[in-house]
Amino acid sequence: MEYRKLGNSGLVVSALSLGTMQFGQAMNMGKLDQTATTSMVKFALDHGINFIDTADVYSRGESETQLGVALKGIREEIVLATKFRLPMSDNINRAGATRVNIMRGVESSLKRLQTDYLDLYQVHGWDSYTPLEETLRTLDDLVRRGMVRHVGLSNYHAWQAATALATQKSLNLEPFVTAQLYFSLVGRDLEHDWMSFAKHSGMGILVWSPLAGGYLSGKYSRSSDAGNGTRFAEAGQFVPFDWDRGEPVLAALREVASRHHVSVARVALAWTVRQPNISSVIIAARTHEQLEDNIKAIDLKLSTDDYAQLNAASDPGTPYPKWMVLQLDQAEDPRAKTLEPERFIDGAPWEDLRFKK
């Protein structure tokens, strides 16, 4: 396993982390029971994963509850993250990033997870109804009380994250260190804005659904091809993408996979985990065989030609103002002869911040 810094924190996490949406019976995402959950967690830890991500809303608390049982006796061995923000009941105050809901949410999550602290507590999405300062001050209070070690965000626009970080800095509050975001070979939108912002701010990206809800496993080319028991058959197309544009991506993945004699999913994950500014890629599986194949992506070394083929097939194009920014960056600037270029992450390239076990 390979290890990296968790964004702008001092924590070190595995480059691949275990997702838990498939734990519990209340969601059409796997429905693993307690025995299967415990077995999957142990298997992941035995293969070097030390970072597990969940959320209170996964199976309405069942995922956290089963994970808490599975982590008995080994809680201190892992970095544990959960999320809050989405509705947990029909109670009008049981949703959002309000002080009331955050306090209630963290106390409930700690109880279900059978722990007295969280390594990372994440806002599951921007809350337009709650003053941002209320959310940020409450999260800071949780850190100062020792209930939470670090805070992160999820599913924010880059401008929203920038606004939050600026507010935290101005009020001397605990800053967000990570951003959990969707990213895949058929969903490269982060490259338009988020990647440059992550580099500038030092935030680490946690990738969710790197296989686009299972599409990049190569098992089916249309939703109608999904067989019984698959994620597509149970939950439908979880993330949106253009099926027609996805076909050449799958074709390229199959060619690269054939050259390396590995699965299509392993190639897709290997490409994702090597992109810049990523702290960890969240993987999830229903069986040990699937999880082991995913974990082996960390050892797959793609060639320059492999990357070129995958990048060309999945190229999303360059929107404005990014294409103009690139042109301006390429223009000759007389300052470049005398001034040091700006450095973002402690003066070190991203690769220097990785750890090997």
Protein backbone atom coordinates (compact mmCIF):
# COMPACT_ATOMS: atom_id res chain seq x y z
CA MET A 1 0.00 0.00 0.00
CA GLU A 2 1.06 3.57 -0.61
CA TYR A 3 0.47 6.33 1.94
CA ARG A 4 -0.07 10.08 1.63
CA LYS A 5 -0.76 13.11 3.78
CA LEU A 6 -4.42 13.76 4.49
CA GLY A 7 -4.61 17.15 2.79
CA ASN A 8 -3.27 19.97 4.94
CA SER A 9 -3.12 17.84 8.09
CA GLY A 10 -0.36 15.78 9.64
CA LEU A 11 -2.31 12.54 9.32
CA VAL A 12 -1.06 9.88 6.94
CA VAL A 13 -3.61 7.73 5.12
CA SER A 14 -3.62 4.93 2.59
CA ALA A 15 -3.89 6.06 -1.03
CA LEU A 16 -6.87 3.73 -1.33
CA SER A 17 -9.54 3.92 1.37
CA LEU A 18 -12.55 1.77 2.20
CA GLY A 19 -16.01 3.11 1.42
CA THR A 20 -18.97 1.83 3.41
CA MET A 21 -22.15 2.69 1.50
CA GLN A 22 -22.65 -1.05 0.93
CA PHE A 23 -22.87 -1.77 4.69
CA GLY A 24 -26.43 -2.11 6.00
CA GLN A 25 -29.80 -3.11 4.62
CA ALA A 26 -31.62 0.19 4.05
CA MET A 27 -29.95 1.25 0.77
CA ASN A 28 -29.77 -0.45 -2.63
CA MET A 29 -25.98 -0.37 -2.55
CA GLY A 30 -24.88 -3.85 -1.51
CA LYS A 31 -26.81 -4.67 1.65
CA LEU A 32 -23.92 -6.35 3.49
CA ASP A 33 -24.86 -7.66 6.94
CA GLN A 34 -22.75 -7.46 10.10
CA THR A 35 -20.76 -10.62 9.39
CA ALA A 36 -19.89 -9.49 5.87
CA THR A 37 -19.06 -5.97 7.10
CA THR A 38 -16.67 -7.22 9.76
CA SER A 39 -15.01 -9.55 7.27
CA MET A 40 -14.63 -6.78 4.68
CA VAL A 41 -13.10 -4.36 7.20
CA LYS A 42 -10.59 -6.95 8.41
CA PHE A 43 -9.67 -7.83 4.82
CA ALA A 44 -9.07 -4.16 3.97
CA LEU A 45 -6.87 -3.59 7.03
CA ASP A 46 -4.89 -6.76 6.33
CA HIS A 47 -4.12 -5.32 2.88
CA GLY A 48 -2.75 -2.03 4.19
CA ILE A 49 -5.82 0.21 4.11
CA ASN A 50 -5.87 2.41 7.23
CA PHE A 51 -8.56 4.92 6.21
CA ILE A 52 -12.31 4.19 6.30
CA ASP A 53 -15.01 6.64 5.18
CA THR A 54 -18.70 6.47 6.05
CA ALA A 55 -21.69 8.80 6.57
CA ASP A 56 -24.60 8.99 8.97
CA VAL A 57 -27.07 8.81 6.07
CA TYR A 58 -25.74 5.51 4.71
CA SER A 59 -28.60 3.09 5.42
CA ARG A 60 -29.87 5.69 7.91
CA GLY A 61 -27.16 4.91 10.47
CA GLU A 62 -26.81 1.17 9.85
CA SER A 63 -23.48 1.58 8.06
CA GLU A 64 -22.00 3.44 11.05
CA THR A 65 -23.49 0.93 13.49
CA GLN A 66 -22.07 -2.10 11.67
CA LEU A 67 -18.73 -0.36 11.21
CA GLY A 68 -18.59 0.40 14.93
CA VAL A 69 -19.01 -3.29 15.74
CA ALA A 70 -16.38 -4.26 13.15
CA LEU A 71 -13.85 -1.81 14.63
CA LYS A 72 -14.12 -3.08 18.22
CA GLY A 73 -10.62 -3.47 19.58
CA ILE A 74 -8.92 -1.94 16.53
CA ARG A 75 -10.34 1.60 16.45
CA GLU A 76 -6.96 3.17 17.21
CA GLU A 77 -5.41 1.42 14.22
CA ILE A 78 -7.39 3.32 11.60
CA VAL A 79 -8.25 6.83 10.45
CA LEU A 80 -12.03 7.10 10.68
CA ALA A 81 -14.13 9.60 8.75
CA THR A 82 -17.86 10.23 8.58
CA LYS A 83 -20.18 12.87 7.15
CA PHE A 84 -23.29 14.84 8.13
CA ARG A 85 -25.76 17.21 6.47
CA LEU A 86 -28.39 15.06 4.69
CA PRO A 87 -31.77 14.33 6.31
CA MET A 88 -31.82 11.55 8.89
CA SER A 89 -35.59 11.71 9.57
CA ASP A 90 -38.69 13.70 8.69
CA ASN A 91 -37.90 16.12 11.54
CA ILE A 92 -37.41 19.53 9.92
CA ASN A 93 -34.40 20.23 12.18
CA ARG A 94 -32.75 16.86 11.52
CA ALA A 95 -31.00 18.06 8.36
CA GLY A 96 -28.54 20.69 7.28
CA ALA A 97 -25.31 22.15 8.62
CA THR A 98 -26.90 23.98 11.55
CA ARG A 99 -25.40 24.08 15.04
CA VAL A 100 -28.32 22.01 16.35
CA ASN A 101 -28.01 19.33 13.68
CA ILE A 102 -24.21 19.18 13.79
CA MET A 103 -24.17 18.66 17.55
CA ARG A 104 -26.93 16.08 17.39
CA GLY A 105 -25.28 14.42 14.39
CA VAL A 106 -21.81 14.08 15.86
CA GLU A 107 -23.14 12.70 19.13
CA SER A 108 -25.24 10.12 17.26
CA SER A 109 -22.36 9.13 14.97
CA LEU A 110 -19.96 8.70 17.88
CA LYS A 111 -22.47 6.46 19.62
CA ARG A 112 -23.11 4.31 16.54
CA LEU A 113 -19.40 4.05 15.75
CA GLN A 114 -18.59 3.22 19.40
CA THR A 115 -15.80 5.77 19.61
CA ASP A 116 -15.23 9.03 21.48
CA TYR A 117 -13.63 10.92 18.57
CA LEU A 118 -13.60 11.17 14.78
CA ASP A 119 -10.42 11.69 12.81
CA LEU A 120 -12.28 13.52 10.04
CA TYR A 121 -15.79 15.03 10.16
CA GLN A 122 -17.13 16.20 6.80
CA VAL A 123 -20.00 18.42 5.66
CA HIS A 124 -21.83 16.30 3.08
CA GLY A 125 -22.78 19.35 1.01
CA TRP A 126 -23.23 23.13 1.03
CA ASP A 127 -26.17 24.37 3.10
CA SER A 128 -27.83 27.41 1.55
CA TYR A 129 -30.25 27.80 4.47
CA THR A 130 -27.69 28.09 7.26
CA PRO A 131 -25.23 30.96 7.82
CA LEU A 132 -21.77 29.72 6.88
CA GLU A 133 -20.26 31.18 10.04
CA GLU A 134 -22.66 29.11 12.18
CA THR A 135 -21.47 25.91 10.51
CA LEU A 136 -17.79 26.77 10.71
CA ARG A 137 -17.88 27.91 14.35
CA THR A 138 -19.67 24.72 15.38
CA LEU A 139 -17.10 22.54 13.62
CA ASP A 140 -14.34 24.50 15.33
CA ASP A 141 -16.03 23.87 18.68
CA LEU A 142 -16.01 20.12 17.99
CA VAL A 143 -12.26 20.18 17.37
CA ARG A 144 -11.59 22.22 20.50
CA ARG A 145 -13.69 19.78 22.55
CA GLY A 146 -11.70 16.83 21.21
CA MET A 147 -14.70 15.18 19.58
CA VAL A 148 -13.23 15.73 16.12
CA ARG A 149 -9.59 15.91 15.02
CA HIS A 150 -9.99 17.45 11.56
CA VAL A 151 -12.81 18.79 9.38
CA GLY A 152 -13.52 18.38 5.69
CA LEU A 153 -16.13 19.22 3.08
CA SER A 154 -17.85 17.31 0.30
CA ASN A 155 -19.64 18.20 -2.93
CA TYR A 156 -18.80 21.92 -2.78
CA HIS A 157 -18.10 24.22 -5.70
CA ALA A 158 -14.52 25.48 -5.63
CA TRP A 159 -15.77 29.02 -4.93
CA GLN A 160 -17.75 27.74 -1.94
CA ALA A 161 -14.68 26.00 -0.55
CA ALA A 162 -12.60 29.14 -1.11
CA THR A 163 -15.21 31.24 0.72
CA ALA A 164 -15.26 28.78 3.64
CA LEU A 165 -11.47 28.67 3.93
CA ALA A 166 -11.24 32.48 3.85
CA THR A 167 -13.89 32.72 6.57
CA GLN A 168 -12.13 30.16 8.73
CA LYS A 169 -8.85 32.02 8.36
CA SER A 170 -10.35 35.41 9.18
CA LEU A 171 -12.08 34.06 12.29
CA ASN A 172 -9.13 31.86 13.35
CA LEU A 173 -11.23 28.70 13.06
CA GLU A 174 -10.15 25.15 12.31
CA PRO A 175 -9.77 24.93 8.50
CA PHE A 176 -11.10 22.32 6.13
CA VAL A 177 -8.24 19.99 5.19
CA THR A 178 -9.99 17.76 2.64
CA ALA A 179 -12.62 17.82 -0.07
CA GLN A 180 -14.52 14.62 -0.89
CA LEU A 181 -15.54 14.89 -4.54
CA TYR A 182 -16.62 12.74 -7.48
CA PHE A 183 -13.91 12.11 -10.08
CA SER A 184 -13.46 9.42 -12.73
CA LEU A 185 -12.43 8.84 -16.33
CA VAL A 186 -15.98 9.71 -17.42
CA GLY A 187 -16.27 12.56 -14.91
CA ARG A 188 -13.17 14.77 -15.09
CA ASP A 189 -14.97 18.01 -14.21
CA LEU A 190 -12.63 18.65 -11.25
CA GLU A 191 -9.87 19.46 -13.71
CA HIS A 192 -11.68 22.64 -14.77
CA ASP A 193 -11.42 24.41 -11.42
CA TRP A 194 -11.04 22.20 -8.37
CA MET A 195 -7.63 20.69 -9.12
CA SER A 196 -5.93 24.08 -9.35
CA PHE A 197 -7.73 25.28 -6.22
CA ALA A 198 -6.68 22.14 -4.31
CA LYS A 199 -3.08 22.74 -5.36
CA HIS A 200 -3.26 26.38 -4.29
CA SER A 201 -4.93 25.74 -0.94
CA GLY A 202 -3.24 22.46 -0.05
CA MET A 203 -6.57 20.69 0.41
CA GLY A 204 -6.44 16.96 -0.26
CA ILE A 205 -9.07 15.49 -2.56
CA LEU A 206 -10.85 12.31 -1.48
CA VAL A 207 -12.34 10.71 -4.57
CA TRP A 208 -15.74 9.03 -4.36
CA SER A 209 -17.12 6.70 -7.05
CA PRO A 210 -13.89 6.44 -9.10
CA LEU A 211 -15.56 3.71 -11.18
CA ALA A 212 -18.60 5.91 -11.95
CA GLY A 213 -20.98 3.74 -9.97
CA GLY A 214 -19.56 0.56 -11.51
CA TYR A 215 -19.63 1.64 -15.17
CA LEU A 216 -15.82 1.67 -15.41
CA SER A 217 -15.64 -1.94 -14.28
CA GLY A 218 -16.38 -2.68 -17.93
CA LYS A 219 -19.11 -5.16 -17.06
CA TYR A 220 -21.80 -3.37 -19.08
CA SER A 221 -22.02 -0.64 -21.65
CA ARG A 222 -25.63 0.37 -21.02
CA SER A 223 -27.81 0.31 -17.93
CA SER A 224 -29.94 -2.36 -19.59
CA ASP A 225 -26.91 -4.66 -19.61
CA ALA A 226 -26.73 -4.72 -15.82
CA GLY A 227 -27.46 -8.15 -14.38
CA ASN A 228 -29.24 -8.99 -11.15
CA GLY A 229 -27.24 -8.15 -8.04
CA THR A 230 -25.14 -5.44 -9.68
CA ARG A 231 -25.07 -1.88 -8.41
CA PHE A 232 -26.59 -0.59 -11.64
CA ALA A 233 -29.48 -3.06 -11.42
CA GLU A 234 -30.21 -2.10 -7.82
CA ALA A 235 -29.56 1.64 -7.76
CA GLY A 236 -29.62 2.78 -11.36
CA GLN A 237 -27.11 5.26 -12.77
CA PHE A 238 -25.76 6.74 -9.54
CA VAL A 239 -23.60 9.37 -11.23
CA PRO A 240 -24.53 11.12 -14.49
CA PHE A 241 -22.34 10.82 -17.57
CA ASP A 242 -22.68 10.72 -21.34
CA TRP A 243 -23.04 7.07 -22.37
CA ASP A 244 -21.94 7.78 -25.94
CA ARG A 245 -18.77 9.53 -24.74
CA GLY A 246 -18.22 6.70 -22.28
CA GLU A 247 -17.89 4.05 -24.99
CA PRO A 248 -14.45 5.17 -26.28
CA VAL A 249 -13.26 5.42 -22.67
CA LEU A 250 -14.24 1.81 -22.04
CA ALA A 251 -12.59 0.79 -25.30
CA ALA A 252 -9.33 2.44 -24.25
CA LEU A 253 -9.54 0.88 -20.79
CA ARG A 254 -10.01 -2.58 -22.31
CA GLU A 255 -6.98 -2.12 -24.56
CA VAL A 256 -4.75 -0.97 -21.69
CA ALA A 257 -6.08 -3.74 -19.44
CA SER A 258 -5.32 -6.32 -22.11
CA ARG A 259 -1.74 -5.09 -22.43
CA HIS A 260 -1.20 -5.44 -18.67
CA HIS A 261 -3.33 -8.60 -18.27
CA VAL A 262 -5.45 -6.99 -15.53
CA SER A 263 -9.08 -6.02 -15.06
CA VAL A 264 -10.62 -2.90 -16.57
CA ALA A 265 -11.51 -1.63 -13.08
CA ARG A 266 -7.90 -1.92 -11.94
CA VAL A 267 -6.73 0.27 -14.82
CA ALA A 268 -9.40 2.90 -14.12
CA LEU A 269 -8.38 3.05 -10.46
CA ALA A 270 -4.66 3.15 -11.28
CA TRP A 271 -5.27 6.17 -13.53
CA THR A 272 -7.33 7.94 -10.86
CA VAL A 273 -4.98 7.39 -7.92
CA ARG A 274 -2.06 8.92 -9.89
CA GLN A 275 -3.81 12.21 -10.61
CA PRO A 276 -2.48 15.29 -8.74
CA ASN A 277 -3.76 16.63 -5.41
CA ILE A 278 -5.47 13.38 -4.41
CA SER A 279 -5.03 12.17 -0.83
CA SER A 280 -7.06 8.98 -1.20
CA VAL A 281 -9.40 7.19 -3.59
CA ILE A 282 -12.41 5.60 -1.89
CA ILE A 283 -13.17 2.08 -3.10
CA ALA A 284 -16.07 -0.16 -2.15
CA ALA A 285 -16.83 -3.81 -2.89
CA ARG A 286 -19.25 -6.59 -2.07
CA THR A 287 -16.70 -9.42 -2.09
CA HIS A 288 -13.10 -9.98 -1.03
CA GLU A 289 -12.22 -10.78 -4.64
CA GLN A 290 -13.51 -7.42 -5.88
CA LEU A 291 -11.77 -5.53 -3.08
CA GLU A 292 -8.47 -7.32 -3.64
CA ASP A 293 -8.55 -6.55 -7.35
CA ASN A 294 -9.21 -2.89 -6.57
CA ILE A 295 -6.39 -2.73 -4.04
CA LYS A 296 -3.94 -4.14 -6.59
CA ALA A 297 -4.45 -0.98 -8.63
CA ILE A 298 -1.84 0.66 -6.40
CA ASP A 299 0.82 -1.65 -7.88
CA LEU A 300 -0.17 -1.18 -11.51
CA LYS A 301 2.34 1.05 -13.28
CA LEU A 302 0.80 2.59 -16.36
CA SER A 303 3.14 3.70 -19.14
CA THR A 304 3.27 7.12 -20.74
CA ASP A 305 1.45 5.66 -23.72
CA ASP A 306 -1.22 4.22 -21.45
CA TYR A 307 -1.87 7.61 -19.87
CA ALA A 308 -1.92 9.30 -23.28
CA GLN A 309 -4.48 6.82 -24.61
CA LEU A 310 -6.74 7.10 -21.55
CA ASN A 311 -6.47 10.89 -21.41
CA ALA A 312 -7.29 11.25 -25.10
CA ALA A 313 -10.31 8.96 -24.91
CA SER A 314 -11.71 10.74 -21.85
CA ASP A 315 -10.73 14.32 -22.70
CA PRO A 316 -13.61 16.57 -21.52
CA GLY A 317 -12.37 19.60 -23.43
CA THR A 318 -11.16 22.89 -21.99
CA PRO A 319 -13.84 25.41 -20.97
CA TYR A 320 -13.44 29.15 -20.57
CA PRO A 321 -11.76 30.72 -18.67
CA LYS A 322 -9.35 27.79 -18.33
CA TRP A 323 -8.23 27.90 -21.97
CA MET A 324 -7.53 31.62 -21.66
CA VAL A 325 -5.65 31.13 -18.38
CA LEU A 326 -3.48 28.49 -20.06
CA GLN A 327 -2.70 30.88 -22.91
CA LEU A 328 -1.75 33.61 -20.47
CA ASP A 329 0.45 31.21 -18.50
CA GLN A 330 2.28 30.27 -21.69
CA ALA A 331 2.90 33.88 -22.66
CA GLU A 332 6.43 35.14 -22.04
CA ASP A 333 6.59 37.10 -18.80
CA PRO A 334 9.71 39.22 -18.09
CA ARG A 335 9.33 38.49 -14.36
CA ALA A 336 10.06 34.80 -14.96
CA LYS A 337 13.74 35.62 -15.48
CA THR A 338 14.20 37.13 -12.05
CA LEU A 339 11.46 35.87 -9.73
CA GLU A 340 11.08 32.42 -8.20
CA PRO A 341 7.98 30.58 -9.41
CA GLU A 342 5.22 30.29 -6.85
CA ARG A 343 5.33 27.11 -4.81
CA PHE A 344 2.23 25.71 -3.24
CA ILE A 345 2.74 22.70 -0.97
CA ASP A 346 5.65 23.55 1.36
CA GLY A 347 7.87 24.03 -1.66
CA ALA A 348 7.71 20.31 -2.51
CA PRO A 349 6.11 18.58 -5.49
CA TRP A 350 3.15 16.37 -4.67
CA GLU A 351 5.10 13.15 -5.28
CA ASP A 352 7.52 14.05 -2.46
CA LEU A 353 4.66 13.95 0.05
CA ARG A 354 3.85 10.30 -0.56
CA PHE A 355 4.88 7.57 1.85
CA LYS A 356 5.74 3.94 1.16
CA LYS A 357 5.12 1.04 3.51
